[in-house]
């Protein structure tokens, strides 16, 4: 448990509200530059980018993914 009373049984809604994160996502096309996508998900209330090839969802890109690729 954290001092705020959060534990593994806390709802994600509560965690997101406390973190002041939105429930939305950044949309990126498959040929977008990584630096632009990172800006989109770190300069606001978005934590992830959904990556598309036109209308087809290719995957999800997060800050953790960038860290893994950077190592």
N, C-alpha and C. Protein backbone atom coordinates (compact mmCIF):
# COMPACT_ATOMS: atom_id res chain seq x y z
N UNK A 1 0.83 -1.19 0.00
CA UNK A 1 0.00 0.00 0.00
C UNK A 1 0.87 1.25 0.00
N UNK A 2 0.43 2.22 -0.74
CA UNK A 2 1.10 3.51 -0.73
C UNK A 2 0.50 4.38 0.37
N UNK A 3 1.13 5.51 0.70
CA UNK A 3 0.55 6.40 1.72
C UNK A 3 -0.85 6.88 1.37
N UNK A 4 -1.14 6.95 0.06
CA UNK A 4 -2.47 7.41 -0.38
C UNK A 4 -3.50 6.29 -0.33
N UNK A 5 -3.10 5.07 0.04
CA UNK A 5 -4.04 3.96 0.13
C UNK A 5 -4.20 3.17 -1.16
N UNK A 6 -3.25 3.32 -2.09
CA UNK A 6 -3.33 2.57 -3.33
C UNK A 6 -2.67 1.22 -3.17
N UNK A 7 -3.28 0.23 -3.73
CA UNK A 7 -2.73 -1.12 -3.73
C UNK A 7 -3.14 -1.80 -5.03
N UNK A 8 -2.84 -3.08 -5.14
CA UNK A 8 -3.15 -3.80 -6.36
C UNK A 8 -4.64 -3.95 -6.60
N UNK A 9 -5.44 -3.75 -5.57
CA UNK A 9 -6.89 -3.86 -5.74
C UNK A 9 -7.54 -2.52 -6.09
N UNK A 10 -6.74 -1.44 -6.18
CA UNK A 10 -7.29 -0.13 -6.57
C UNK A 10 -7.77 -0.19 -8.01
N UNK A 11 -8.78 0.58 -8.31
CA UNK A 11 -9.27 0.63 -9.69
C UNK A 11 -8.37 1.51 -10.54
N UNK A 12 -8.25 1.20 -11.80
CA UNK A 12 -7.45 2.01 -12.72
C UNK A 12 -8.05 3.41 -12.84
N UNK A 13 -9.36 3.52 -12.73
CA UNK A 13 -10.01 4.83 -12.80
C UNK A 13 -9.46 5.75 -11.70
N UNK A 14 -9.30 5.21 -10.52
CA UNK A 14 -8.78 5.99 -9.39
C UNK A 14 -7.33 6.40 -9.63
N UNK A 15 -6.52 5.47 -10.14
CA UNK A 15 -5.11 5.76 -10.41
C UNK A 15 -4.99 6.83 -11.48
N UNK A 16 -5.76 6.72 -12.57
CA UNK A 16 -5.71 7.72 -13.64
C UNK A 16 -6.15 9.09 -13.15
N UNK A 17 -7.16 9.13 -12.31
CA UNK A 17 -7.63 10.41 -11.78
C UNK A 17 -6.56 11.06 -10.92
N UNK A 18 -5.90 10.30 -10.08
CA UNK A 18 -4.85 10.83 -9.22
C UNK A 18 -3.65 11.30 -10.04
N UNK A 19 -3.33 10.58 -11.12
CA UNK A 19 -2.19 10.92 -11.97
C UNK A 19 -2.51 12.07 -12.92
N UNK A 20 -3.77 12.50 -12.92
CA UNK A 20 -4.23 13.57 -13.81
C UNK A 20 -3.92 13.23 -15.27
N UNK A 21 -4.12 11.96 -15.63
CA UNK A 21 -3.94 11.50 -17.00
C UNK A 21 -5.30 11.39 -17.65
N UNK A 22 -5.32 11.70 -18.92
CA UNK A 22 -6.56 11.58 -19.67
C UNK A 22 -6.85 10.14 -20.01
N UNK A 23 -7.99 9.92 -20.55
CA UNK A 23 -8.35 8.56 -20.94
C UNK A 23 -8.14 8.37 -22.44
N UNK A 24 -7.59 9.39 -23.08
CA UNK A 24 -7.39 9.32 -24.52
C UNK A 24 -6.03 8.80 -24.91
N UNK A 25 -5.74 8.90 -26.17
CA UNK A 25 -4.49 8.40 -26.70
C UNK A 25 -4.05 9.29 -27.85
N UNK A 26 -2.78 9.23 -28.15
CA UNK A 26 -2.19 9.95 -29.28
C UNK A 26 -2.29 9.04 -30.50
N UNK A 27 -2.66 9.58 -31.63
CA UNK A 27 -2.75 8.81 -32.86
C UNK A 27 -1.54 9.12 -33.74
N UNK A 28 -0.86 8.07 -34.19
CA UNK A 28 0.31 8.23 -35.05
C UNK A 28 0.19 7.32 -36.26
N UNK A 29 0.70 7.79 -37.37
CA UNK A 29 0.77 6.96 -38.57
C UNK A 29 2.08 6.19 -38.56
N UNK A 30 2.15 5.09 -39.27
CA UNK A 30 3.31 4.20 -39.22
C UNK A 30 4.60 4.86 -39.66
N UNK A 31 4.52 5.92 -40.46
CA UNK A 31 5.73 6.58 -40.94
C UNK A 31 6.08 7.83 -40.14
N UNK A 32 5.40 8.03 -39.00
CA UNK A 32 5.69 9.19 -38.14
C UNK A 32 7.08 9.03 -37.51
N UNK A 33 7.75 10.15 -37.30
CA UNK A 33 9.06 10.11 -36.65
C UNK A 33 8.88 9.82 -35.16
N UNK A 34 9.75 8.99 -34.62
CA UNK A 34 9.67 8.61 -33.21
C UNK A 34 9.70 9.85 -32.32
N UNK A 35 10.53 10.82 -32.65
CA UNK A 35 10.63 12.03 -31.82
C UNK A 35 9.30 12.78 -31.76
N UNK A 36 8.55 12.77 -32.86
CA UNK A 36 7.24 13.43 -32.88
C UNK A 36 6.22 12.66 -32.05
N UNK A 37 6.26 11.35 -32.14
CA UNK A 37 5.33 10.52 -31.36
C UNK A 37 5.64 10.66 -29.87
N UNK A 38 6.93 10.64 -29.52
CA UNK A 38 7.30 10.81 -28.11
C UNK A 38 6.81 12.17 -27.60
N UNK A 39 6.94 13.21 -28.41
CA UNK A 39 6.42 14.52 -28.01
C UNK A 39 4.92 14.47 -27.78
N UNK A 40 4.22 13.76 -28.64
CA UNK A 40 2.77 13.66 -28.52
C UNK A 40 2.30 12.96 -27.27
N UNK A 41 3.09 12.00 -26.79
CA UNK A 41 2.63 11.26 -25.61
C UNK A 41 3.26 11.76 -24.31
N UNK A 42 4.21 12.67 -24.39
CA UNK A 42 4.82 13.16 -23.14
C UNK A 42 4.47 14.62 -22.86
N UNK A 43 3.98 15.34 -23.83
CA UNK A 43 3.69 16.76 -23.64
C UNK A 43 2.22 17.01 -23.37
N UNK A 44 1.60 16.15 -22.65
CA UNK A 44 0.18 16.33 -22.36
C UNK A 44 -0.30 15.28 -21.40
N UNK A 45 -1.52 14.87 -21.57
CA UNK A 45 -2.13 13.92 -20.65
C UNK A 45 -2.33 12.56 -21.31
N UNK A 46 -1.49 12.23 -22.28
CA UNK A 46 -1.62 10.96 -22.98
C UNK A 46 -0.42 10.09 -22.67
N UNK A 47 -0.64 8.81 -22.50
CA UNK A 47 0.44 7.90 -22.13
C UNK A 47 0.84 6.95 -23.25
N UNK A 48 0.06 6.88 -24.29
CA UNK A 48 0.33 5.90 -25.34
C UNK A 48 -0.07 6.46 -26.69
N UNK A 49 0.56 5.89 -27.71
CA UNK A 49 0.19 6.23 -29.09
C UNK A 49 -0.34 4.98 -29.76
N UNK A 50 -1.46 5.12 -30.42
CA UNK A 50 -1.96 4.05 -31.27
C UNK A 50 -1.39 4.30 -32.66
N UNK A 51 -0.71 3.30 -33.21
CA UNK A 51 -0.02 3.45 -34.49
C UNK A 51 -0.84 2.79 -35.58
N UNK A 52 -1.12 3.56 -36.64
CA UNK A 52 -1.99 3.11 -37.72
C UNK A 52 -1.28 3.09 -39.06
N UNK A 53 -1.75 2.21 -39.93
CA UNK A 53 -1.45 2.22 -41.36
C UNK A 53 -2.79 2.49 -42.01
N UNK A 54 -3.04 3.73 -42.34
CA UNK A 54 -4.34 4.21 -42.80
C UNK A 54 -5.38 3.90 -41.73
N UNK A 55 -6.29 2.97 -41.94
CA UNK A 55 -7.33 2.66 -40.96
C UNK A 55 -7.03 1.42 -40.14
N UNK A 56 -5.91 0.76 -40.39
CA UNK A 56 -5.58 -0.47 -39.68
C UNK A 56 -4.66 -0.18 -38.49
N UNK A 57 -5.09 -0.61 -37.33
CA UNK A 57 -4.28 -0.45 -36.12
C UNK A 57 -3.12 -1.44 -36.16
N UNK A 58 -1.91 -0.92 -36.10
CA UNK A 58 -0.71 -1.77 -36.13
C UNK A 58 -0.23 -2.12 -34.73
N UNK A 59 -0.42 -1.20 -33.79
CA UNK A 59 0.03 -1.49 -32.43
C UNK A 59 -0.01 -0.28 -31.54
N UNK A 60 0.50 -0.47 -30.34
CA UNK A 60 0.54 0.56 -29.31
C UNK A 60 1.99 0.87 -29.00
N UNK A 61 2.33 2.15 -28.90
CA UNK A 61 3.67 2.59 -28.59
C UNK A 61 3.62 3.40 -27.30
N UNK A 62 4.47 3.06 -26.33
CA UNK A 62 4.48 3.75 -25.04
C UNK A 62 5.88 4.28 -24.73
N UNK A 63 5.97 5.06 -23.68
CA UNK A 63 7.28 5.54 -23.22
C UNK A 63 8.19 4.37 -22.88
N UNK A 64 7.63 3.32 -22.31
CA UNK A 64 8.42 2.14 -21.98
C UNK A 64 9.00 1.49 -23.23
N UNK A 65 8.25 1.47 -24.31
CA UNK A 65 8.75 0.92 -25.57
C UNK A 65 9.95 1.73 -26.05
N UNK A 66 9.85 3.04 -25.95
CA UNK A 66 10.96 3.90 -26.38
C UNK A 66 12.22 3.61 -25.56
N UNK A 67 12.03 3.45 -24.26
CA UNK A 67 13.18 3.15 -23.39
C UNK A 67 13.82 1.83 -23.80
N UNK A 68 13.02 0.81 -24.06
CA UNK A 68 13.55 -0.50 -24.46
C UNK A 68 14.33 -0.40 -25.76
N UNK A 69 13.80 0.34 -26.73
CA UNK A 69 14.45 0.48 -28.03
C UNK A 69 15.74 1.29 -27.90
N UNK A 70 15.77 2.24 -26.98
CA UNK A 70 16.92 3.12 -26.81
C UNK A 70 18.11 2.43 -26.16
N UNK A 71 17.86 1.35 -25.44
CA UNK A 71 18.95 0.68 -24.72
C UNK A 71 19.80 -0.08 -25.64
